[in-house]
C-alpha atoms as a PDB file:
ATOM      1  CA  MET A   1     -13.907   2.795  -5.439  1.00  0.00           C
ATOM      2  CA  LYS A   2     -10.694   4.332  -2.944  1.00  0.00           C
ATOM      3  CA  VAL A   3      -8.887   1.424  -1.942  1.00  0.00           C
ATOM      4  CA  VAL A   4      -5.712   1.255   0.016  1.00  0.00           C
ATOM      5  CA  SER A   5      -3.077  -2.153   0.018  1.00  0.00           C
ATOM      6  CA  ASP A   6      -0.327  -3.090   2.367  1.00  0.00           C
ATOM      7  CA  ALA A   7       3.021  -3.740   0.677  1.00  0.00           C
ATOM      8  CA  SER A   8       1.832  -7.411   0.707  1.00  0.00           C
ATOM      9  CA  PRO A   9      -0.361  -7.470  -1.729  1.00  0.00           C
ATOM     10  CA  ILE A  10       1.619  -5.848  -4.380  1.00  0.00           C
ATOM     11  CA  ALA A  11       4.648  -7.200  -3.348  1.00  0.00           C
ATOM     12  CA  ASN A  12       3.170 -11.026  -3.801  1.00  0.00           C
ATOM     13  CA  LEU A  13       1.488  -9.932  -7.040  1.00  0.00           C
ATOM     14  CA  ALA A  14       4.565  -8.347  -8.727  1.00  0.00           C
ATOM     15  CA  ALA A  15       6.376 -11.126  -7.389  1.00  0.00           C
ATOM     16  CA  ILE A  16       4.810 -13.311  -9.828  1.00  0.00           C
ATOM     17  CA  GLY A  17       3.455 -11.375 -12.690  1.00  0.00           C
ATOM     18  CA  ARG A  18       0.647 -10.577 -12.116  1.00  0.00           C
ATOM     19  CA  LEU A  19       0.307  -6.719 -10.598  1.00  0.00           C
ATOM     20  CA  ASP A  20      -2.165  -5.784 -13.328  1.00  0.00           C
ATOM     21  CA  LEU A  21      -4.982  -7.913 -11.347  1.00  0.00           C
ATOM     22  CA  LEU A  22      -4.488  -5.046  -8.418  1.00  0.00           C
ATOM     23  CA  GLN A  23      -5.142  -2.534 -12.123  1.00  0.00           C
ATOM     24  CA  ARG A  24      -8.080  -4.735 -13.765  1.00  0.00           C
ATOM     25  CA  GLN A  25      -9.944  -5.355 -10.577  1.00  0.00           C
ATOM     26  CA  PHE A  26      -9.921  -1.596  -8.247  1.00  0.00           C
ATOM     27  CA  GLY A  27      -8.305   0.375 -11.208  1.00  0.00           C
ATOM     28  CA  SER A  28      -5.862   2.311  -8.738  1.00  0.00           C
ATOM     29  CA  LEU A  29      -4.401   1.988  -5.411  1.00  0.00           C
ATOM     30  CA  LEU A  30      -3.107   4.556  -2.213  1.00  0.00           C
ATOM     31  CA  ILE A  31      -0.388   4.044  -0.214  1.00  0.00           C
ATOM     32  CA  PRO A  32       0.836   5.529   3.066  1.00  0.00           C
ATOM     33  CA  GLU A  33       5.019   6.354   2.550  1.00  0.00           C
ATOM     34  CA  ALA A  34       6.098   3.125   5.078  1.00  0.00           C
ATOM     35  CA  VAL A  35       4.205   0.530   2.489  1.00  0.00           C
ATOM     36  CA  ALA A  36       5.836   2.557  -0.182  1.00  0.00           C
ATOM     37  CA  ALA A  37       9.734   2.497   2.286  1.00  0.00           C
ATOM     38  CA  GLU A  38       8.519  -1.246   2.468  1.00  0.00           C
ATOM     39  CA  LEU A  39       7.797  -1.961  -2.055  1.00  0.00           C
ATOM     40  CA  ARG A  40      10.638   0.396  -2.250  1.00  0.00           C
ATOM     41  CA  ALA A  41      13.352  -1.824  -0.095  1.00  0.00           C
ATOM     42  CA  PHE A  42      11.620  -5.552  -1.949  1.00  0.00           C
ATOM     43  CA  SER A  43      14.370  -7.800  -3.379  1.00  0.00           C
ATOM     44  CA  ASN A  44      12.899  -8.894  -6.630  1.00  0.00           C
ATOM     45  CA  ALA A  45      14.505  -6.610  -9.205  1.00  0.00           C
ATOM     46  CA  VAL A  46      11.565  -7.857 -11.429  1.00  0.00           C
ATOM     47  CA  ALA A  47       9.291  -7.151  -8.955  1.00  0.00           C
ATOM     48  CA  SER A  48      10.453  -4.307  -7.621  1.00  0.00           C
ATOM     49  CA  ASP A  49      10.359  -2.586 -11.353  1.00  0.00           C
ATOM     50  CA  ALA A  50       6.902  -3.626 -12.353  1.00  0.00           C
ATOM     51  CA  ILE A  51       5.653  -1.440  -8.824  1.00  0.00           C
ATOM     52  CA  MET A  52       8.149   1.738  -9.649  1.00  0.00           C
ATOM     53  CA  MET A  53       6.553   1.646 -12.822  1.00  0.00           C
ATOM     54  CA  ALA A  54       3.018   1.184 -11.529  1.00  0.00           C
ATOM     55  CA  LEU A  55       4.340   4.217  -9.567  1.00  0.00           C
ATOM     56  CA  GLY A  56       5.127   5.611 -12.168  1.00  0.00           C
ATOM     57  CA  GLU A  57       1.955   5.286 -14.152  1.00  0.00           C
ATOM     58  CA  GLY A  58      -0.008   6.646 -11.230  1.00  0.00           C
ATOM     59  CA  TRP A  59      -1.977   4.333 -10.447  1.00  0.00           C
ATOM     60  CA  ILE A  60      -0.348   3.548  -7.370  1.00  0.00           C
ATOM     61  CA  THR A  61      -0.209   6.516  -5.454  1.00  0.00           C
ATOM     62  CA  ILE A  62       1.668   7.071  -2.586  1.00  0.00           C
ATOM     63  CA  ARG A  63      -0.448   9.341   0.319  1.00  0.00           C
ATOM     64  CA  PRO A  64       0.966  10.683   3.089  1.00  0.00           C
ATOM     65  CA  VAL A  65      -0.826   9.726   6.868  1.00  0.00           C
ATOM     66  CA  PRO A  66      -2.281  12.891   8.195  1.00  0.00           C
ATOM     67  CA  VAL A  67      -1.309  14.681  11.347  1.00  0.00           C
ATOM     68  CA  THR A  68      -5.068  14.176  12.841  1.00  0.00           C
ATOM     69  CA  ALA A  69      -4.202  10.380  12.143  1.00  0.00           C
ATOM     70  CA  ARG A  70      -0.885   9.212  13.637  1.00  0.00           C
ATOM     71  CA  PRO A  71      -2.334   8.701  16.807  1.00  0.00           C
ATOM     72  CA  LEU A  72      -4.002   5.206  16.072  1.00  0.00           C
ATOM     73  CA  VAL A  73      -1.215   4.559  13.970  1.00  0.00           C
ATOM     74  CA  GLU A  74       0.942   4.575  17.471  1.00  0.00           C
ATOM     75  CA  LEU A  75      -1.869   2.284  18.524  1.00  0.00           C
ATOM     76  CA  LEU A  76      -1.705  -0.075  16.252  1.00  0.00           C
ATOM     77  CA  SER A  77       1.782  -0.246  15.642  1.00  0.00           C
ATOM     78  CA  ARG A  78       1.658  -2.099  19.146  1.00  0.00           C
ATOM     79  CA  GLU A  79       0.708  -5.155  17.276  1.00  0.00           C
ATOM     80  CA  LEU A  80       1.007  -4.176  13.422  1.00  0.00           C
ATOM     81  CA  ASP A  81       4.097  -3.590  11.135  1.00  0.00           C
ATOM     82  CA  PRO A  82       4.368   0.718  10.431  1.00  0.00           C
ATOM     83  CA  GLY A  83       2.745  -0.495   7.107  1.00  0.00           C
ATOM     84  CA  GLU A  84      -0.197  -2.074   8.157  1.00  0.00           C
ATOM     85  CA  ALA A  85      -0.540   0.054  10.963  1.00  0.00           C
ATOM     86  CA  GLU A  86      -0.017   3.227   8.049  1.00  0.00           C
ATOM     87  CA  ALA A  87      -2.556   1.192   5.308  1.00  0.00           C
ATOM     88  CA  ILE A  88      -5.103   1.351   8.163  1.00  0.00           C
ATOM     89  CA  ALA A  89      -4.685   4.544   9.352  1.00  0.00           C
ATOM     90  CA  LEU A  90      -5.005   6.238   5.723  1.00  0.00           C
ATOM     91  CA  ALA A  91      -7.901   4.409   5.121  1.00  0.00           C
ATOM     92  CA  LYS A  92      -9.930   4.645   7.630  1.00  0.00           C
ATOM     93  CA  ASP A  93      -9.056   8.974   7.556  1.00  0.00           C
ATOM     94  CA  SER A  94      -9.596   8.654   3.871  1.00  0.00           C
ATOM     95  CA  SER A  95     -12.261   7.088   4.215  1.00  0.00           C
ATOM     96  CA  ALA A  96     -11.438   4.269   1.577  1.00  0.00           C
ATOM     97  CA  ASP A  97     -14.126   1.213   0.411  1.00  0.00           C
ATOM     98  CA  LEU A  98     -11.414  -1.140   1.009  1.00  0.00           C
ATOM     99  CA  VAL A  99      -7.868  -2.206   2.386  1.00  0.00           C
ATOM    100  CA  LEU A 100      -6.021  -4.784   0.796  1.00  0.00           C
ATOM    101  CA  ILE A 101      -3.694  -6.135   3.583  1.00  0.00           C
ATOM    102  CA  ASP A 102      -2.045  -9.632   5.053  1.00  0.00           C
ATOM    103  CA  GLU A 103      -2.785  -9.906   8.475  1.00  0.00           C
END
Protein backbone atom coordinates (compact mmCIF):
# COMPACT_ATOMS: atom_id res chain seq x y z
CA MET A 1 0.00 0.00 0.00
CA LYS A 2 1.38 3.41 -0.96
CA VAL A 3 0.70 6.09 1.69
CA VAL A 4 1.65 9.78 1.62
CA SER A 5 1.58 11.81 4.82
CA ASP A 6 1.39 15.42 5.88
CA ALA A 7 3.49 16.51 8.86
CA SER A 8 0.79 16.56 11.54
CA PRO A 9 0.05 12.81 11.79
CA ILE A 10 3.77 12.07 12.03
CA ALA A 11 4.60 14.89 14.45
CA ASN A 12 1.62 14.28 16.71
CA LEU A 13 2.21 10.56 17.05
CA ALA A 14 5.94 11.12 17.58
CA ALA A 15 5.13 13.66 20.31
CA ILE A 16 3.20 11.05 22.29
CA GLY A 17 5.77 8.33 21.66
CA ARG A 18 3.60 6.33 19.25
CA LEU A 19 5.20 6.91 15.85
CA ASP A 20 5.41 3.12 15.67
CA LEU A 21 1.66 3.00 15.00
CA LEU A 22 2.19 4.44 11.52
CA GLN A 23 4.86 1.89 10.68
CA ARG A 24 2.77 -1.00 12.00
CA GLN A 25 -0.36 0.18 10.18
CA PHE A 26 1.17 1.13 6.82
CA GLY A 27 4.70 -0.29 6.70
CA SER A 28 6.14 2.79 5.05
CA LEU A 29 5.25 6.41 4.27
CA LEU A 30 6.20 8.88 1.58
CA ILE A 31 6.51 12.55 2.45
CA PRO A 32 7.21 15.52 0.18
CA GLU A 33 10.06 17.93 0.82
CA ALA A 34 7.81 20.60 2.41
CA VAL A 35 6.65 18.05 4.99
CA ALA A 36 10.24 17.01 5.67
CA ALA A 37 11.10 20.68 6.29
CA GLU A 38 8.21 21.03 8.76
CA LEU A 39 9.30 17.89 10.59
CA ARG A 40 12.92 19.07 10.81
CA ALA A 41 11.69 22.28 12.46
CA PHE A 42 9.59 20.41 15.06
CA SER A 43 10.58 21.68 18.51
CA ASN A 44 9.96 18.53 20.58
CA ALA A 45 13.43 16.95 20.89
CA VAL A 46 12.24 13.43 21.71
CA ALA A 47 9.75 13.47 18.84
CA SER A 48 12.35 14.92 16.48
CA ASP A 49 14.74 12.11 17.36
CA ALA A 50 12.05 9.50 16.63
CA ILE A 51 11.24 11.15 13.30
CA MET A 52 14.91 11.34 12.30
CA MET A 53 15.31 7.67 13.27
CA ALA A 54 12.34 6.71 11.06
CA LEU A 55 13.87 8.65 8.17
CA GLY A 56 17.22 6.98 8.80
CA GLU A 57 15.62 3.53 8.91
CA GLY A 58 13.93 4.31 5.61
CA TRP A 59 10.34 3.56 6.47
CA ILE A 60 9.60 7.26 6.05
CA THR A 61 10.96 8.37 2.69
CA ILE A 62 11.24 11.88 1.30
CA ARG A 63 10.11 12.13 -2.31
CA PRO A 64 10.17 15.40 -4.26
CA VAL A 65 6.97 16.54 -5.93
CA PRO A 66 7.57 16.28 -9.69
CA VAL A 67 7.68 19.45 -11.76
CA THR A 68 4.56 18.28 -13.60
CA ALA A 69 2.62 18.39 -10.30
CA ARG A 70 3.74 21.93 -9.39
CA PRO A 71 0.62 23.60 -10.88
CA LEU A 72 -1.53 21.53 -8.52
CA VAL A 73 0.70 22.53 -5.57
CA GLU A 74 0.28 26.19 -6.51
CA LEU A 75 -3.50 25.82 -6.77
CA LEU A 76 -3.80 23.99 -3.45
CA SER A 77 -1.49 26.49 -1.74
CA ARG A 78 -4.21 29.11 -2.06
CA GLU A 79 -6.11 27.32 0.72
CA LEU A 80 -3.60 24.94 2.35
CA ASP A 81 -0.11 25.17 3.82
CA PRO A 82 2.83 24.01 1.67
CA GLY A 83 3.14 20.61 3.35
CA GLU A 84 -0.51 19.76 2.84
CA ALA A 85 -0.48 21.02 -0.75
CA GLU A 86 2.62 18.99 -1.59
CA ALA A 87 1.30 15.87 0.17
CA ILE A 88 -1.90 15.93 -1.89
CA ALA A 89 -0.01 16.60 -5.13
CA LEU A 90 2.51 13.83 -4.39
CA ALA A 91 -0.29 11.41 -3.54
CA LYS A 92 -2.07 12.17 -6.79
CA ASP A 93 1.11 11.98 -8.86
CA SER A 94 2.28 8.71 -7.29
CA SER A 95 -1.19 7.08 -7.34
CA ALA A 96 -1.10 6.66 -3.57
CA ASP A 97 -3.73 4.53 -1.90
CA LEU A 98 -4.07 6.89 1.08
CA VAL A 99 -3.16 10.41 2.18
CA LEU A 100 -2.76 11.16 5.89
CA ILE A 101 -3.72 14.77 6.45
CA ASP A 102 -5.37 16.82 9.20
CA GLU A 103 -7.40 19.26 7.11
